[in-house]
Amino acid sequence: MTRVYVCSCFGITEKQVKEHADAGACTPRQIASACKAGTDCGSCVRRIQAILGRGSCPRRELVDKGEPALSGPPAVPAAPVPALRSLSEVA
């Protein structure tokens, strides 16, 4: 079996990128969120764009609404962090 690596930095294959695309990733940024491909040296971003193509994205409406497009558990919003009033509060 021959593996075609798209991202050498993280060892991400073309098959993995296609699997993430099938799960709903429509952009290189969404692929990066799913597997880190394209987040180090960036030389694979154009290859990822080519794999994704310019076709329709089945979950584009979710992205346009600001909702997550990838399948999986829903994101949990972070709790607000209170601001410090002075450095003495840190110690």
C-alpha atoms as a PDB file:
ATOM      1  CA  MET A   1       0.000   0.000   0.000  1.00  0.00           C
ATOM      2  CA  THR A   2       1.387   3.359  -1.017  1.00  0.00           C
ATOM      3  CA  ARG A   3       0.724   6.340   1.216  1.00  0.00           C
ATOM      4  CA  VAL A   4       0.656   9.736  -0.428  1.00  0.00           C
ATOM      5  CA  TYR A   5       1.586  12.281   2.204  1.00  0.00           C
ATOM      6  CA  VAL A   6       0.020  15.703   1.894  1.00  0.00           C
ATOM      7  CA  CYS A   7       1.510  17.149   5.083  1.00  0.00           C
ATOM      8  CA  SER A   8       5.012  15.949   5.874  1.00  0.00           C
ATOM      9  CA  CYS A   9       5.166  17.946   9.099  1.00  0.00           C
ATOM     10  CA  PHE A  10       2.368  15.933  10.734  1.00  0.00           C
ATOM     11  CA  GLY A  11       2.335  12.813   8.533  1.00  0.00           C
ATOM     12  CA  ILE A  12      -1.153  13.461   7.136  1.00  0.00           C
ATOM     13  CA  THR A  13      -2.049  11.448   4.055  1.00  0.00           C
ATOM     14  CA  GLU A  14      -4.291  12.295   1.131  1.00  0.00           C
ATOM     15  CA  LYS A  15      -6.695   9.610   2.353  1.00  0.00           C
ATOM     16  CA  GLN A  16      -6.972  11.313   5.765  1.00  0.00           C
ATOM     17  CA  VAL A  17      -7.652  14.704   4.164  1.00  0.00           C
ATOM     18  CA  LYS A  18     -10.377  13.126   2.017  1.00  0.00           C
ATOM     19  CA  GLU A  19     -11.908  11.464   5.093  1.00  0.00           C
ATOM     20  CA  HIS A  20     -12.069  14.831   6.888  1.00  0.00           C
ATOM     21  CA  ALA A  21     -13.603  16.382   3.773  1.00  0.00           C
ATOM     22  CA  ASP A  22     -16.206  13.605   3.676  1.00  0.00           C
ATOM     23  CA  ALA A  23     -16.956  14.365   7.343  1.00  0.00           C
ATOM     24  CA  GLY A  24     -17.726  17.976   6.388  1.00  0.00           C
ATOM     25  CA  ALA A  25     -14.457  19.936   6.269  1.00  0.00           C
ATOM     26  CA  CYS A  26     -14.798  22.374   3.362  1.00  0.00           C
ATOM     27  CA  THR A  27     -11.735  24.587   3.748  1.00  0.00           C
ATOM     28  CA  PRO A  28      -8.029  24.149   4.491  1.00  0.00           C
ATOM     29  CA  ARG A  29      -8.657  25.853   7.843  1.00  0.00           C
ATOM     30  CA  GLN A  30     -11.237  23.205   8.763  1.00  0.00           C
ATOM     31  CA  ILE A  31      -8.825  20.469   7.697  1.00  0.00           C
ATOM     32  CA  ALA A  32      -6.201  22.097   9.927  1.00  0.00           C
ATOM     33  CA  SER A  33      -8.639  22.101  12.845  1.00  0.00           C
ATOM     34  CA  ALA A  34      -9.317  18.419  12.314  1.00  0.00           C
ATOM     35  CA  CYS A  35      -5.747  17.129  11.911  1.00  0.00           C
ATOM     36  CA  LYS A  36      -3.221  20.027  12.081  1.00  0.00           C
ATOM     37  CA  ALA A  37      -2.279  19.678   8.390  1.00  0.00           C
ATOM     38  CA  GLY A  38      -1.158  23.046   7.047  1.00  0.00           C
ATOM     39  CA  THR A  39      -0.436  24.608  10.434  1.00  0.00           C
ATOM     40  CA  ASP A  40       3.348  24.251  10.549  1.00  0.00           C
ATOM     41  CA  CYS A  41       5.285  25.205   7.419  1.00  0.00           C
ATOM     42  CA  GLY A  42       2.194  25.730   5.238  1.00  0.00           C
ATOM     43  CA  SER A  43       3.629  24.140   2.114  1.00  0.00           C
ATOM     44  CA  CYS A  44       0.737  21.651   1.916  1.00  0.00           C
ATOM     45  CA  VAL A  45      -2.101  24.198   1.949  1.00  0.00           C
ATOM     46  CA  ARG A  46      -2.305  24.407  -1.856  1.00  0.00           C
ATOM     47  CA  ARG A  47      -2.379  20.620  -2.095  1.00  0.00           C
ATOM     48  CA  ILE A  48      -5.198  20.528   0.468  1.00  0.00           C
ATOM     49  CA  GLN A  49      -7.070  23.152  -1.567  1.00  0.00           C
ATOM     50  CA  ALA A  50      -6.656  20.984  -4.667  1.00  0.00           C
ATOM     51  CA  ILE A  51      -8.003  17.916  -2.849  1.00  0.00           C
ATOM     52  CA  LEU A  52     -11.004  19.875  -1.577  1.00  0.00           C
ATOM     53  CA  GLY A  53     -11.615  21.351  -5.014  1.00  0.00           C
ATOM     54  CA  ARG A  54     -14.130  24.038  -5.762  1.00  0.00           C
ATOM     55  CA  GLY A  55     -17.196  21.835  -5.473  1.00  0.00           C
ATOM     56  CA  SER A  56     -20.143  22.506  -3.275  1.00  0.00           C
ATOM     57  CA  CYS A  57     -19.758  22.043   0.427  1.00  0.00           C
ATOM     58  CA  PRO A  58     -22.614  20.100   2.003  1.00  0.00           C
ATOM     59  CA  ARG A  59     -22.201  21.959   5.275  1.00  0.00           C
ATOM     60  CA  ARG A  60     -21.446  25.446   3.971  1.00  0.00           C
ATOM     61  CA  GLU A  61     -24.680  26.749   5.503  1.00  0.00           C
ATOM     62  CA  LEU A  62     -23.480  25.691   8.959  1.00  0.00           C
ATOM     63  CA  VAL A  63     -20.174  27.469   8.453  1.00  0.00           C
ATOM     64  CA  ASP A  64     -21.960  30.612   7.267  1.00  0.00           C
ATOM     65  CA  LYS A  65     -24.015  30.563  10.477  1.00  0.00           C
ATOM     66  CA  GLY A  66     -20.877  30.203  12.599  1.00  0.00           C
ATOM     67  CA  GLU A  67     -21.679  26.633  13.629  1.00  0.00           C
ATOM     68  CA  PRO A  68     -19.094  23.819  13.513  1.00  0.00           C
ATOM     69  CA  ALA A  69     -19.085  21.946  10.220  1.00  0.00           C
ATOM     70  CA  LEU A  70     -17.212  18.868  11.357  1.00  0.00           C
ATOM     71  CA  SER A  71     -19.054  15.975  12.897  1.00  0.00           C
ATOM     72  CA  GLY A  72     -18.358  15.110  16.483  1.00  0.00           C
ATOM     73  CA  PRO A  73     -19.355  16.267  19.921  1.00  0.00           C
ATOM     74  CA  PRO A  74     -20.454  19.891  20.192  1.00  0.00           C
ATOM     75  CA  ALA A  75     -17.867  22.361  21.338  1.00  0.00           C
ATOM     76  CA  VAL A  76     -18.167  23.488  24.941  1.00  0.00           C
ATOM     77  CA  PRO A  77     -17.737  27.233  25.384  1.00  0.00           C
ATOM     78  CA  ALA A  78     -14.932  28.246  27.697  1.00  0.00           C
ATOM     79  CA  ALA A  79     -15.818  29.717  31.049  1.00  0.00           C
ATOM     80  CA  PRO A  80     -15.049  33.435  31.353  1.00  0.00           C
ATOM     81  CA  VAL A  81     -11.797  34.253  33.097  1.00  0.00           C
ATOM     82  CA  PRO A  82     -11.938  37.138  35.569  1.00  0.00           C
ATOM     83  CA  ALA A  83      -9.493  39.928  34.866  1.00  0.00           C
ATOM     84  CA  LEU A  84      -6.701  40.646  37.332  1.00  0.00           C
ATOM     85  CA  ARG A  85      -6.585  44.085  38.861  1.00  0.00           C
ATOM     86  CA  SER A  86      -2.913  43.961  39.840  1.00  0.00           C
ATOM     87  CA  LEU A  87       0.123  41.701  39.737  1.00  0.00           C
ATOM     88  CA  SER A  88      -0.137  41.170  43.501  1.00  0.00           C
ATOM     89  CA  GLU A  89      -3.240  39.040  42.904  1.00  0.00           C
ATOM     90  CA  VAL A  90      -1.132  36.508  40.990  1.00  0.00           C
ATOM     91  CA  ALA A  91       1.221  35.706  43.903  1.00  0.00           C
END
